[in-house]
Amino acid sequence: MSSLTITDRAKAVDRRPLNFSERLYIPSILKGLRITVGHIFHKKATISYPEEKDHLVPISEDCIF
């Protein structure tokens, strides 16, 4: 494969200059904090194994996959 065929497929991308808040990554940091805080208040998916047993449906206890 020659370098000529690779450069023929390249596309020029016009990028707009970043404004001041985007250069400081403030919107990205706030978006990440919003996601993190949202995960804090979700119900936990794990159980305390020795104290709480998982409630299985009686049919699923006998099934072997």
PDB file of N, CA and C in Angstrom:
ATOM      1  N   MET A   1       0.860  -1.169   0.000  1.00  0.00           N
ATOM      2  CA  MET A   1       0.000   0.000   0.000  1.00  0.00           C
ATOM      3  C   MET A   1       0.905   1.230   0.000  1.00  0.00           C
ATOM      4  N   SER A   2       0.727   2.074  -0.940  1.00  0.00           N
ATOM      5  CA  SER A   2       1.577   3.262  -1.028  1.00  0.00           C
ATOM      6  C   SER A   2       0.994   4.402  -0.208  1.00  0.00           C
ATOM      7  N   SER A   3       1.846   5.372   0.086  1.00  0.00           N
ATOM      8  CA  SER A   3       1.396   6.508   0.881  1.00  0.00           C
ATOM      9  C   SER A   3       0.430   7.390   0.100  1.00  0.00           C
ATOM     10  N   LEU A   4       0.455   7.299  -1.220  1.00  0.00           N
ATOM     11  CA  LEU A   4      -0.446   8.106  -2.038  1.00  0.00           C
ATOM     12  C   LEU A   4      -1.900   7.700  -1.831  1.00  0.00           C
ATOM     13  N   THR A   5      -2.178   6.411  -1.704  1.00  0.00           N
ATOM     14  CA  THR A   5      -3.559   5.969  -1.511  1.00  0.00           C
ATOM     15  C   THR A   5      -4.077   6.334  -0.130  1.00  0.00           C
ATOM     16  N   ILE A   6      -3.223   6.401   0.850  1.00  0.00           N
ATOM     17  CA  ILE A   6      -3.659   6.771   2.197  1.00  0.00           C
ATOM     18  C   ILE A   6      -4.030   8.247   2.244  1.00  0.00           C
ATOM     19  N   THR A   7      -3.219   9.101   1.627  1.00  0.00           N
ATOM     20  CA  THR A   7      -3.501  10.536   1.671  1.00  0.00           C
ATOM     21  C   THR A   7      -4.696  10.908   0.815  1.00  0.00           C
ATOM     22  N   ASP A   8      -5.044  10.102  -0.179  1.00  0.00           N
ATOM     23  CA  ASP A   8      -6.227  10.391  -0.989  1.00  0.00           C
ATOM     24  C   ASP A   8      -7.509  10.226  -0.177  1.00  0.00           C
ATOM     25  N   ARG A   9      -7.482   9.399   0.841  1.00  0.00           N
ATOM     26  CA  ARG A   9      -8.677   9.147   1.638  1.00  0.00           C
ATOM     27  C   ARG A   9      -8.802  10.088   2.825  1.00  0.00           C
ATOM     28  N   ALA A  10      -7.811  10.914   3.052  1.00  0.00           N
ATOM     29  CA  ALA A  10      -7.838  11.817   4.197  1.00  0.00           C
ATOM     30  C   ALA A  10      -8.853  12.931   3.967  1.00  0.00           C
ATOM     31  N   LYS A  11      -9.501  13.363   5.035  1.00  0.00           N
ATOM     32  CA  LYS A  11     -10.475  14.445   4.958  1.00  0.00           C
ATOM     33  C   LYS A  11      -9.990  15.612   5.790  1.00  0.00           C
ATOM     34  N   ALA A  12     -10.182  16.795   5.277  1.00  0.00           N
ATOM     35  CA  ALA A  12      -9.839  17.992   6.031  1.00  0.00           C
ATOM     36  C   ALA A  12     -10.966  18.303   7.007  1.00  0.00           C
ATOM     37  N   VAL A  13     -10.604  18.620   8.245  1.00  0.00           N
ATOM     38  CA  VAL A  13     -11.587  18.914   9.278  1.00  0.00           C
ATOM     39  C   VAL A  13     -11.415  20.363   9.701  1.00  0.00           C
ATOM     40  N   ASP A  14     -12.476  21.138   9.582  1.00  0.00           N
ATOM     41  CA  ASP A  14     -12.440  22.516  10.041  1.00  0.00           C
ATOM     42  C   ASP A  14     -12.837  22.538  11.509  1.00  0.00           C
ATOM     43  N   ARG A  15     -11.963  23.050  12.330  1.00  0.00           N
ATOM     44  CA  ARG A  15     -12.249  23.121  13.757  1.00  0.00           C
ATOM     45  C   ARG A  15     -12.392  24.576  14.169  1.00  0.00           C
ATOM     46  N   ARG A  16     -13.429  24.837  14.923  1.00  0.00           N
ATOM     47  CA  ARG A  16     -13.617  26.203  15.410  1.00  0.00           C
ATOM     48  C   ARG A  16     -12.736  26.401  16.631  1.00  0.00           C
ATOM     49  N   PRO A  17     -12.277  27.611  16.870  1.00  0.00           N
ATOM     50  CA  PRO A  17     -11.454  27.843  18.059  1.00  0.00           C
ATOM     51  C   PRO A  17     -12.284  27.712  19.339  1.00  0.00           C
ATOM     52  N   LEU A  18     -11.656  27.197  20.389  1.00  0.00           N
ATOM     53  CA  LEU A  18     -12.350  27.005  21.662  1.00  0.00           C
ATOM     54  C   LEU A  18     -12.497  28.342  22.371  1.00  0.00           C
ATOM     55  N   ASN A  19     -13.659  28.519  23.033  1.00  0.00           N
ATOM     56  CA  ASN A  19     -13.815  29.738  23.827  1.00  0.00           C
ATOM     57  C   ASN A  19     -13.137  29.543  25.179  1.00  0.00           C
ATOM     58  N   PHE A  20     -13.180  30.571  26.021  1.00  0.00           N
ATOM     59  CA  PHE A  20     -12.428  30.546  27.283  1.00  0.00           C
ATOM     60  C   PHE A  20     -12.855  29.410  28.206  1.00  0.00           C
ATOM     61  N   SER A  21     -14.168  29.206  28.378  1.00  0.00           N
ATOM     62  CA  SER A  21     -14.618  28.155  29.299  1.00  0.00           C
ATOM     63  C   SER A  21     -14.303  26.759  28.754  1.00  0.00           C
ATOM     64  N   GLU A  22     -14.333  26.596  27.441  1.00  0.00           N
ATOM     65  CA  GLU A  22     -13.989  25.298  26.861  1.00  0.00           C
ATOM     66  C   GLU A  22     -12.498  25.009  27.002  1.00  0.00           C
ATOM     67  N   ARG A  23     -11.671  26.035  26.942  1.00  0.00           N
ATOM     68  CA  ARG A  23     -10.237  25.833  27.137  1.00  0.00           C
ATOM     69  C   ARG A  23      -9.932  25.432  28.576  1.00  0.00           C
ATOM     70  N   LEU A  24     -10.741  25.841  29.516  1.00  0.00           N
ATOM     71  CA  LEU A  24     -10.547  25.460  30.914  1.00  0.00           C
ATOM     72  C   LEU A  24     -11.218  24.132  31.245  1.00  0.00           C
ATOM     73  N   TYR A  25     -11.931  23.544  30.305  1.00  0.00           N
ATOM     74  CA  TYR A  25     -12.635  22.264  30.464  1.00  0.00           C
ATOM     75  C   TYR A  25     -13.736  22.317  31.513  1.00  0.00           C
ATOM     76  N   ILE A  26     -14.233  23.500  31.813  1.00  0.00           N
ATOM     77  CA  ILE A  26     -15.280  23.640  32.827  1.00  0.00           C
ATOM     78  C   ILE A  26     -16.549  22.873  32.450  1.00  0.00           C
ATOM     79  N   PRO A  27     -17.050  22.977  31.207  1.00  0.00           N
ATOM     80  CA  PRO A  27     -18.260  22.209  30.884  1.00  0.00           C
ATOM     81  C   PRO A  27     -18.063  20.698  31.029  1.00  0.00           C
ATOM     82  N   SER A  28     -16.895  20.205  30.643  1.00  0.00           N
ATOM     83  CA  SER A  28     -16.631  18.765  30.760  1.00  0.00           C
ATOM     84  C   SER A  28     -16.538  18.326  32.210  1.00  0.00           C
ATOM     85  N   ILE A  29     -15.913  19.141  33.041  1.00  0.00           N
ATOM     86  CA  ILE A  29     -15.793  18.811  34.466  1.00  0.00           C
ATOM     87  C   ILE A  29     -17.171  18.803  35.122  1.00  0.00           C
ATOM     88  N   LEU A  30     -17.999  19.799  34.794  1.00  0.00           N
ATOM     89  CA  LEU A  30     -19.343  19.851  35.377  1.00  0.00           C
ATOM     90  C   LEU A  30     -20.203  18.685  34.910  1.00  0.00           C
ATOM     91  N   LYS A  31     -20.058  18.280  33.652  1.00  0.00           N
ATOM     92  CA  LYS A  31     -20.812  17.136  33.147  1.00  0.00           C
ATOM     93  C   LYS A  31     -20.402  15.859  33.879  1.00  0.00           C
ATOM     94  N   GLY A  32     -19.099  15.681  34.110  1.00  0.00           N
ATOM     95  CA  GLY A  32     -18.621  14.511  34.838  1.00  0.00           C
ATOM     96  C   GLY A  32     -19.090  14.502  36.283  1.00  0.00           C
ATOM     97  N   LEU A  33     -19.085  15.662  36.934  1.00  0.00           N
ATOM     98  CA  LEU A  33     -19.576  15.746  38.312  1.00  0.00           C
ATOM     99  C   LEU A  33     -21.066  15.436  38.385  1.00  0.00           C
ATOM    100  N   ARG A  34     -21.819  15.891  37.393  1.00  0.00           N
ATOM    101  CA  ARG A  34     -23.257  15.619  37.372  1.00  0.00           C
ATOM    102  C   ARG A  34     -23.528  14.118  37.269  1.00  0.00           C
ATOM    103  N   ILE A  35     -22.779  13.432  36.427  1.00  0.00           N
ATOM    104  CA  ILE A  35     -22.941  11.983  36.282  1.00  0.00           C
ATOM    105  C   ILE A  35     -22.550  11.278  37.578  1.00  0.00           C
ATOM    106  N   THR A  36     -21.446  11.697  38.190  1.00  0.00           N
ATOM    107  CA  THR A  36     -20.970  11.068  39.421  1.00  0.00           C
ATOM    108  C   THR A  36     -21.967  11.244  40.555  1.00  0.00           C
ATOM    109  N   VAL A  37     -22.482  12.447  40.723  1.00  0.00           N
ATOM    110  CA  VAL A  37     -23.456  12.699  41.784  1.00  0.00           C
ATOM    111  C   VAL A  37     -24.740  11.915  41.522  1.00  0.00           C
ATOM    112  N   GLY A  38     -25.116  11.778  40.262  1.00  0.00           N
ATOM    113  CA  GLY A  38     -26.297  10.988  39.932  1.00  0.00           C
ATOM    114  C   GLY A  38     -26.138   9.522  40.301  1.00  0.00           C
ATOM    115  N   HIS A  39     -24.930   8.986  40.158  1.00  0.00           N
ATOM    116  CA  HIS A  39     -24.689   7.581  40.507  1.00  0.00           C
ATOM    117  C   HIS A  39     -24.699   7.358  42.009  1.00  0.00           C
ATOM    118  N   ILE A  40     -24.400   8.373  42.775  1.00  0.00           N
ATOM    119  CA  ILE A  40     -24.377   8.227  44.235  1.00  0.00           C
ATOM    120  C   ILE A  40     -25.767   7.881  44.764  1.00  0.00           C
ATOM    121  N   PHE A  41     -26.812   8.436  44.170  1.00  0.00           N
ATOM    122  CA  PHE A  41     -28.158   8.277  44.696  1.00  0.00           C
ATOM    123  C   PHE A  41     -28.930   7.104  44.085  1.00  0.00           C
ATOM    124  N   HIS A  42     -28.301   6.307  43.211  1.00  0.00           N
ATOM    125  CA  HIS A  42     -28.965   5.127  42.677  1.00  0.00           C
ATOM    126  C   HIS A  42     -28.947   3.998  43.697  1.00  0.00           C
ATOM    127  N   LYS A  43     -29.925   3.108  43.581  1.00  0.00           N
ATOM    128  CA  LYS A  43     -29.970   1.949  44.464  1.00  0.00           C
ATOM    129  C   LYS A  43     -28.782   1.045  44.143  1.00  0.00           C
ATOM    130  N   LYS A  44     -28.143   0.544  45.165  1.00  0.00           N
ATOM    131  CA  LYS A  44     -26.973  -0.301  44.981  1.00  0.00           C
ATOM    132  C   LYS A  44     -27.395  -1.658  44.418  1.00  0.00           C
ATOM    133  N   ALA A  45     -26.587  -2.198  43.517  1.00  0.00           N
ATOM    134  CA  ALA A  45     -26.904  -3.462  42.876  1.00  0.00           C
ATOM    135  C   ALA A  45     -26.386  -4.655  43.668  1.00  0.00           C
ATOM    136  N   THR A  46     -25.490  -4.436  44.607  1.00  0.00           N
ATOM    137  CA  THR A  46     -24.912  -5.544  45.366  1.00  0.00           C
ATOM    138  C   THR A  46     -25.685  -5.771  46.656  1.00  0.00           C
ATOM    139  N   ILE A  47     -25.522  -6.966  47.212  1.00  0.00           N
ATOM    140  CA  ILE A  47     -26.141  -7.282  48.498  1.00  0.00           C
ATOM    141  C   ILE A  47     -25.045  -7.642  49.480  1.00  0.00           C
ATOM    142  N   SER A  48     -25.318  -7.552  50.757  1.00  0.00           N
ATOM    143  CA  SER A  48     -24.361  -7.984  51.781  1.00  0.00           C
ATOM    144  C   SER A  48     -24.504  -9.495  51.890  1.00  0.00           C
ATOM    145  N   TYR A  49     -23.586 -10.233  51.269  1.00  0.00           N
ATOM    146  CA  TYR A  49     -23.775 -11.662  51.053  1.00  0.00           C
ATOM    147  C   TYR A  49     -24.054 -12.471  52.313  1.00  0.00           C
ATOM    148  N   PRO A  50     -23.228 -12.456  53.326  1.00  0.00           N
ATOM    149  CA  PRO A  50     -23.541 -13.359  54.447  1.00  0.00           C
ATOM    150  C   PRO A  50     -24.834 -12.997  55.174  1.00  0.00           C
ATOM    151  N   GLU A  51     -25.151 -11.708  55.239  1.00  0.00           N
ATOM    152  CA  GLU A  51     -26.335 -11.288  55.981  1.00  0.00           C
ATOM    153  C   GLU A  51     -27.612 -11.425  55.151  1.00  0.00           C
ATOM    154  N   GLU A  52     -27.539 -11.111  53.876  1.00  0.00           N
ATOM    155  CA  GLU A  52     -28.723 -11.162  53.015  1.00  0.00           C
ATOM    156  C   GLU A  52     -28.517 -12.213  51.932  1.00  0.00           C
ATOM    157  N   LYS A  53     -29.437 -13.107  51.789  1.00  0.00           N
ATOM    158  CA  LYS A  53     -29.378 -14.097  50.728  1.00  0.00           C
ATOM    159  C   LYS A  53     -30.135 -13.572  49.523  1.00  0.00           C
ATOM    160  N   ASP A  54     -29.679 -13.923  48.344  1.00  0.00           N
ATOM    161  CA  ASP A  54     -30.354 -13.518  47.115  1.00  0.00           C
ATOM    162  C   ASP A  54     -31.647 -14.316  46.980  1.00  0.00           C
ATOM    163  N   HIS A  55     -32.717 -13.641  46.614  1.00  0.00           N
ATOM    164  CA  HIS A  55     -34.011 -14.298  46.473  1.00  0.00           C
ATOM    165  C   HIS A  55     -34.156 -14.834  45.054  1.00  0.00           C
ATOM    166  N   LEU A  56     -34.041 -16.145  44.895  1.00  0.00           N
ATOM    167  CA  LEU A  56     -34.158 -16.768  43.585  1.00  0.00           C
ATOM    168  C   LEU A  56     -35.567 -17.271  43.360  1.00  0.00           C
ATOM    169  N   VAL A  57     -35.959 -17.270  42.108  1.00  0.00           N
ATOM    170  CA  VAL A  57     -37.227 -17.855  41.731  1.00  0.00           C
ATOM    171  C   VAL A  57     -37.068 -19.379  41.839  1.00  0.00           C
ATOM    172  N   PRO A  58     -38.049 -20.104  42.386  1.00  0.00           N
ATOM    173  CA  PRO A  58     -37.875 -21.556  42.599  1.00  0.00           C
ATOM    174  C   PRO A  58     -37.516 -22.326  41.326  1.00  0.00           C
ATOM    175  N   ILE A  59     -38.010 -21.923  40.179  1.00  0.00           N
ATOM    176  CA  ILE A  59     -37.696 -22.632  38.941  1.00  0.00           C
ATOM    177  C   ILE A  59     -36.232 -22.471  38.587  1.00  0.00           C
ATOM    178  N   SER A  60     -35.673 -21.298  38.819  1.00  0.00           N
ATOM    179  CA  SER A  60     -34.290 -21.034  38.415  1.00  0.00           C
ATOM    180  C   SER A  60     -33.287 -21.803  39.273  1.00  0.00           C
ATOM    181  N   GLU A  61     -33.688 -22.261  40.449  1.00  0.00           N
ATOM    182  CA  GLU A  61     -32.756 -23.010  41.284  1.00  0.00           C
ATOM    183  C   GLU A  61     -32.438 -24.378  40.694  1.00  0.00           C
ATOM    184  N   ASP A  62     -33.372 -24.964  39.930  1.00  0.00           N
ATOM    185  CA  ASP A  62     -33.181 -26.293  39.368  1.00  0.00           C
ATOM    186  C   ASP A  62     -32.639 -26.272  37.946  1.00  0.00           C
ATOM    187  N   CYS A  63     -32.607 -25.142  37.305  1.00  0.00           N
ATOM    188  CA  CYS A  63     -32.164 -25.047  35.909  1.00  0.00           C
ATOM    189  C   CYS A  63     -30.652 -25.103  35.833  1.00  0.00           C
ATOM    190  N   ILE A  64     -30.163 -25.897  34.895  1.00  0.00           N
ATOM    191  CA  ILE A  64     -28.730 -25.953  34.591  1.00  0.00           C
ATOM    192  C   ILE A  64     -28.592 -25.550  33.134  1.00  0.00           C
ATOM    193  N   PHE A  65     -27.779 -24.550  32.919  1.00  0.00           N
ATOM    194  CA  PHE A  65     -27.629 -24.048  31.537  1.00  0.00           C
ATOM    195  C   PHE A  65     -26.445 -24.682  30.878  1.00  0.00           C
TER     196      PHE A  65
END
